[in-house]
N, C-alpha and C. Protein backbone atom coordinates (compact mmCIF):
# COMPACT_ATOMS: atom_id res chain seq x y z
N MET A 1 0.74 -1.13 -0.05
CA MET A 1 -0.01 0.10 0.01
C MET A 1 0.87 1.25 -0.05
N ALA A 2 0.77 2.14 -0.90
CA ALA A 2 1.57 3.35 -1.05
C ALA A 2 0.73 4.53 -0.50
N GLU A 3 1.33 5.38 0.29
CA GLU A 3 0.68 6.62 0.76
C GLU A 3 1.58 7.75 0.24
N GLN A 4 0.95 8.94 -0.16
CA GLN A 4 1.69 10.03 -0.53
C GLN A 4 2.02 10.88 0.73
N ASP A 5 3.28 11.22 0.81
CA ASP A 5 3.68 12.01 2.00
C ASP A 5 3.75 13.36 1.36
N ASN A 6 2.79 14.29 1.70
CA ASN A 6 2.71 15.62 1.13
C ASN A 6 3.85 16.51 1.44
N ASN A 7 4.59 16.22 2.58
CA ASN A 7 5.80 17.08 2.94
C ASN A 7 7.02 16.78 2.13
N THR A 8 7.14 15.65 1.53
CA THR A 8 8.37 15.38 0.84
C THR A 8 8.19 15.00 -0.68
N SER A 9 6.82 14.84 -0.95
CA SER A 9 6.47 14.39 -2.29
C SER A 9 7.09 13.08 -2.81
N LYS A 10 7.40 12.12 -1.78
CA LYS A 10 8.00 10.83 -2.03
C LYS A 10 6.96 9.85 -1.56
N ASN A 11 7.02 8.74 -2.27
CA ASN A 11 6.08 7.50 -1.77
C ASN A 11 6.63 6.92 -0.54
N VAL A 12 5.65 6.61 0.34
CA VAL A 12 5.99 5.92 1.47
C VAL A 12 5.22 4.63 1.49
N TYR A 13 6.12 3.47 1.68
CA TYR A 13 5.31 2.14 1.47
C TYR A 13 5.34 1.53 2.82
N ASN A 14 4.26 0.90 3.16
CA ASN A 14 4.10 0.19 4.36
C ASN A 14 3.74 -1.34 4.11
N SER A 15 4.37 -2.17 4.86
CA SER A 15 4.00 -3.56 4.67
C SER A 15 3.46 -4.17 6.08
N ILE A 16 2.58 -5.06 6.01
CA ILE A 16 1.99 -5.65 7.10
C ILE A 16 2.05 -7.14 7.08
N ASP A 17 2.60 -7.63 8.23
CA ASP A 17 2.68 -9.11 8.22
C ASP A 17 1.30 -9.62 8.89
N THR A 18 0.45 -9.95 7.98
CA THR A 18 -0.89 -10.34 8.43
C THR A 18 -0.92 -11.63 9.25
N SER A 19 0.10 -12.36 9.25
CA SER A 19 0.14 -13.54 10.07
C SER A 19 0.46 -13.14 11.55
N SER A 20 0.81 -11.99 11.85
CA SER A 20 1.29 -11.54 13.24
C SER A 20 0.10 -10.80 13.91
N ILE A 21 -0.90 -10.63 13.15
CA ILE A 21 -2.12 -9.79 13.69
C ILE A 21 -3.22 -10.68 13.99
N GLU A 22 -3.95 -10.51 15.07
CA GLU A 22 -5.01 -11.43 15.36
C GLU A 22 -6.30 -10.90 14.81
N TRP A 23 -6.97 -11.97 14.10
CA TRP A 23 -8.25 -11.64 13.38
C TRP A 23 -9.27 -11.53 14.47
N ASP A 24 -10.30 -10.51 14.04
CA ASP A 24 -11.41 -10.31 14.91
C ASP A 24 -12.52 -11.20 14.37
N ILE A 25 -13.13 -12.09 15.13
CA ILE A 25 -14.21 -12.96 14.64
C ILE A 25 -15.40 -12.42 15.30
N SER A 26 -16.44 -12.24 14.43
CA SER A 26 -17.70 -11.63 14.98
C SER A 26 -18.76 -12.15 14.22
N HIS A 27 -19.93 -12.31 14.93
CA HIS A 27 -21.18 -12.83 14.17
C HIS A 27 -21.82 -11.72 13.30
N ASN A 28 -22.08 -12.06 12.13
CA ASN A 28 -22.94 -11.15 11.32
C ASN A 28 -24.34 -11.58 11.28
N PRO A 29 -25.28 -10.84 11.94
CA PRO A 29 -26.60 -11.41 12.06
C PRO A 29 -27.32 -11.37 10.75
N LYS A 30 -27.04 -10.45 9.81
CA LYS A 30 -27.81 -10.39 8.55
C LYS A 30 -27.37 -11.48 7.66
N LEU A 31 -26.05 -12.09 7.82
CA LEU A 31 -25.74 -13.20 7.08
C LEU A 31 -25.88 -14.57 7.80
N GLY A 32 -26.03 -14.44 9.03
CA GLY A 32 -26.09 -15.61 9.92
C GLY A 32 -24.87 -16.43 10.03
N VAL A 33 -23.69 -15.82 9.96
CA VAL A 33 -22.41 -16.52 9.97
C VAL A 33 -21.38 -15.68 10.71
N ASP A 34 -20.32 -16.29 11.19
CA ASP A 34 -19.25 -15.64 11.79
C ASP A 34 -18.32 -15.17 10.58
N LEU A 35 -17.79 -13.96 10.76
CA LEU A 35 -16.82 -13.38 9.71
C LEU A 35 -15.47 -13.12 10.42
N ALA A 36 -14.52 -13.38 9.81
CA ALA A 36 -13.15 -13.01 10.34
C ALA A 36 -12.75 -11.68 9.76
N ARG A 37 -12.33 -10.64 10.45
CA ARG A 37 -11.92 -9.43 9.89
C ARG A 37 -10.51 -9.01 10.46
N LEU A 38 -9.74 -8.36 9.62
CA LEU A 38 -8.43 -8.11 9.95
C LEU A 38 -8.20 -6.59 9.54
N MET A 39 -8.13 -5.57 10.43
CA MET A 39 -7.97 -4.20 10.13
C MET A 39 -6.41 -4.00 9.65
N LEU A 40 -6.36 -3.50 8.51
CA LEU A 40 -5.11 -3.18 7.92
C LEU A 40 -4.71 -1.63 8.00
N HIS A 41 -5.74 -0.86 7.87
CA HIS A 41 -5.45 0.64 7.88
C HIS A 41 -6.63 1.40 8.23
N LYS A 42 -6.61 2.43 9.07
CA LYS A 42 -7.72 3.21 9.42
C LYS A 42 -7.18 4.70 9.17
N ASP A 43 -7.87 5.49 8.55
CA ASP A 43 -7.59 7.07 8.38
C ASP A 43 -8.38 7.74 9.30
N PRO A 44 -7.86 8.29 10.36
CA PRO A 44 -8.74 9.08 11.39
C PRO A 44 -9.28 10.36 10.79
N GLY A 45 -8.60 10.87 9.79
CA GLY A 45 -9.12 12.04 9.12
C GLY A 45 -10.35 11.94 8.33
N THR A 46 -10.40 10.81 7.56
CA THR A 46 -11.61 10.61 6.68
C THR A 46 -12.42 9.42 7.15
N GLY A 47 -12.07 8.60 8.04
CA GLY A 47 -12.79 7.47 8.54
C GLY A 47 -12.72 6.28 7.66
N ALA A 48 -11.93 6.44 6.40
CA ALA A 48 -11.66 5.25 5.56
C ALA A 48 -10.98 4.16 6.20
N LYS A 49 -11.41 2.82 5.84
CA LYS A 49 -10.88 1.78 6.43
C LYS A 49 -10.42 0.83 5.36
N ILE A 50 -9.27 -0.03 5.64
CA ILE A 50 -9.02 -1.08 4.64
C ILE A 50 -8.98 -2.40 5.60
N ARG A 51 -9.88 -3.35 5.17
CA ARG A 51 -9.83 -4.54 6.02
C ARG A 51 -9.76 -5.78 5.14
N MET A 52 -9.26 -6.83 5.58
CA MET A 52 -9.33 -8.14 4.98
C MET A 52 -10.49 -8.86 5.72
N ILE A 53 -11.42 -9.53 4.87
CA ILE A 53 -12.58 -10.17 5.45
C ILE A 53 -12.61 -11.58 4.89
N ARG A 54 -12.60 -12.61 5.89
CA ARG A 54 -12.84 -13.94 5.38
C ARG A 54 -14.24 -14.25 5.38
N TYR A 55 -14.87 -14.69 4.32
CA TYR A 55 -16.23 -15.11 4.24
C TYR A 55 -16.20 -16.66 4.13
N PRO A 56 -16.99 -17.29 4.98
CA PRO A 56 -17.07 -18.74 4.82
C PRO A 56 -17.60 -19.17 3.39
N LYS A 57 -17.10 -20.22 2.99
CA LYS A 57 -17.53 -20.75 1.67
C LYS A 57 -19.05 -20.81 1.64
N GLY A 58 -19.59 -20.39 0.37
CA GLY A 58 -21.03 -20.50 0.25
C GLY A 58 -21.96 -19.40 0.80
N VAL A 59 -21.30 -18.34 1.48
CA VAL A 59 -22.12 -17.31 2.05
C VAL A 59 -22.73 -16.42 0.92
N LEU A 60 -23.89 -16.11 1.08
CA LEU A 60 -24.75 -15.21 0.15
C LEU A 60 -25.00 -13.93 0.82
N ASN A 61 -24.36 -12.97 0.25
CA ASN A 61 -24.65 -11.52 0.80
C ASN A 61 -25.63 -10.97 -0.04
N PRO A 62 -26.74 -10.65 0.56
CA PRO A 62 -27.95 -10.05 -0.17
C PRO A 62 -27.54 -8.60 -0.88
N GLU A 63 -28.23 -8.46 -1.99
CA GLU A 63 -27.87 -7.15 -2.69
C GLU A 63 -28.20 -6.03 -1.84
N HIS A 64 -27.33 -5.05 -1.79
CA HIS A 64 -27.43 -3.89 -0.96
C HIS A 64 -26.56 -2.75 -1.53
N THR A 65 -26.85 -1.49 -1.05
CA THR A 65 -26.10 -0.40 -1.39
C THR A 65 -25.35 0.25 -0.18
N ARG A 66 -24.43 1.17 -0.61
CA ARG A 66 -23.58 1.83 0.40
C ARG A 66 -23.54 3.23 0.18
N PRO A 67 -23.46 4.15 1.06
CA PRO A 67 -23.39 5.58 0.84
C PRO A 67 -22.00 6.01 0.63
N TYR A 68 -21.07 5.18 0.37
CA TYR A 68 -19.66 5.47 0.20
C TYR A 68 -19.09 4.54 -0.71
N GLY A 69 -17.75 4.82 -1.14
CA GLY A 69 -17.02 3.90 -2.10
C GLY A 69 -16.71 2.61 -1.43
N HIS A 70 -16.59 1.62 -2.30
CA HIS A 70 -16.52 0.23 -1.66
C HIS A 70 -15.84 -0.56 -2.72
N GLY A 71 -14.77 -1.34 -2.43
CA GLY A 71 -14.19 -2.22 -3.33
C GLY A 71 -13.77 -3.50 -2.84
N ILE A 72 -13.75 -4.58 -3.57
CA ILE A 72 -13.44 -5.94 -3.08
C ILE A 72 -12.31 -6.51 -3.99
N PHE A 73 -11.35 -7.14 -3.30
CA PHE A 73 -10.26 -7.87 -4.12
C PHE A 73 -10.46 -9.23 -3.58
N VAL A 74 -10.57 -10.15 -4.43
CA VAL A 74 -10.78 -11.59 -4.01
C VAL A 74 -9.23 -12.13 -4.03
N LEU A 75 -8.80 -12.69 -2.91
CA LEU A 75 -7.52 -13.23 -2.86
C LEU A 75 -7.45 -14.71 -2.98
N GLU A 76 -8.60 -15.34 -2.74
CA GLU A 76 -8.72 -16.80 -2.87
C GLU A 76 -10.25 -17.18 -2.95
N GLY A 77 -10.52 -18.03 -3.80
CA GLY A 77 -11.89 -18.53 -4.01
C GLY A 77 -12.56 -17.72 -5.12
N LYS A 78 -13.84 -17.66 -5.07
CA LYS A 78 -14.62 -16.96 -6.16
C LYS A 78 -15.65 -16.01 -5.53
N LEU A 79 -15.97 -15.00 -6.25
CA LEU A 79 -17.05 -14.12 -5.91
C LEU A 79 -18.00 -14.09 -6.97
N GLN A 80 -19.32 -14.47 -6.50
CA GLN A 80 -20.38 -14.34 -7.49
C GLN A 80 -21.26 -13.09 -6.98
N THR A 81 -21.52 -12.28 -7.99
CA THR A 81 -22.32 -11.00 -7.77
C THR A 81 -23.35 -10.94 -8.78
N HIS A 82 -24.31 -10.08 -8.57
CA HIS A 82 -25.37 -9.76 -9.45
C HIS A 82 -24.91 -9.03 -10.70
């Protein structure tokens, strides 16, 4: 993940060892399953978050909208969407 440092106009790169961070396991009542979440970055100025989320195989997430930007990168498995 690259972040622009406005003071020096140089790219600053951060790396995260995801195997050294504890996953947060919590129940999602809308889906009826437990999801594992790993917070990678929070921007206190904008409230933006970057998280890894593990969905159990076969979970169907109902069609929905969000009032903000949202993106998904599938690292393993398949994503079926409408």
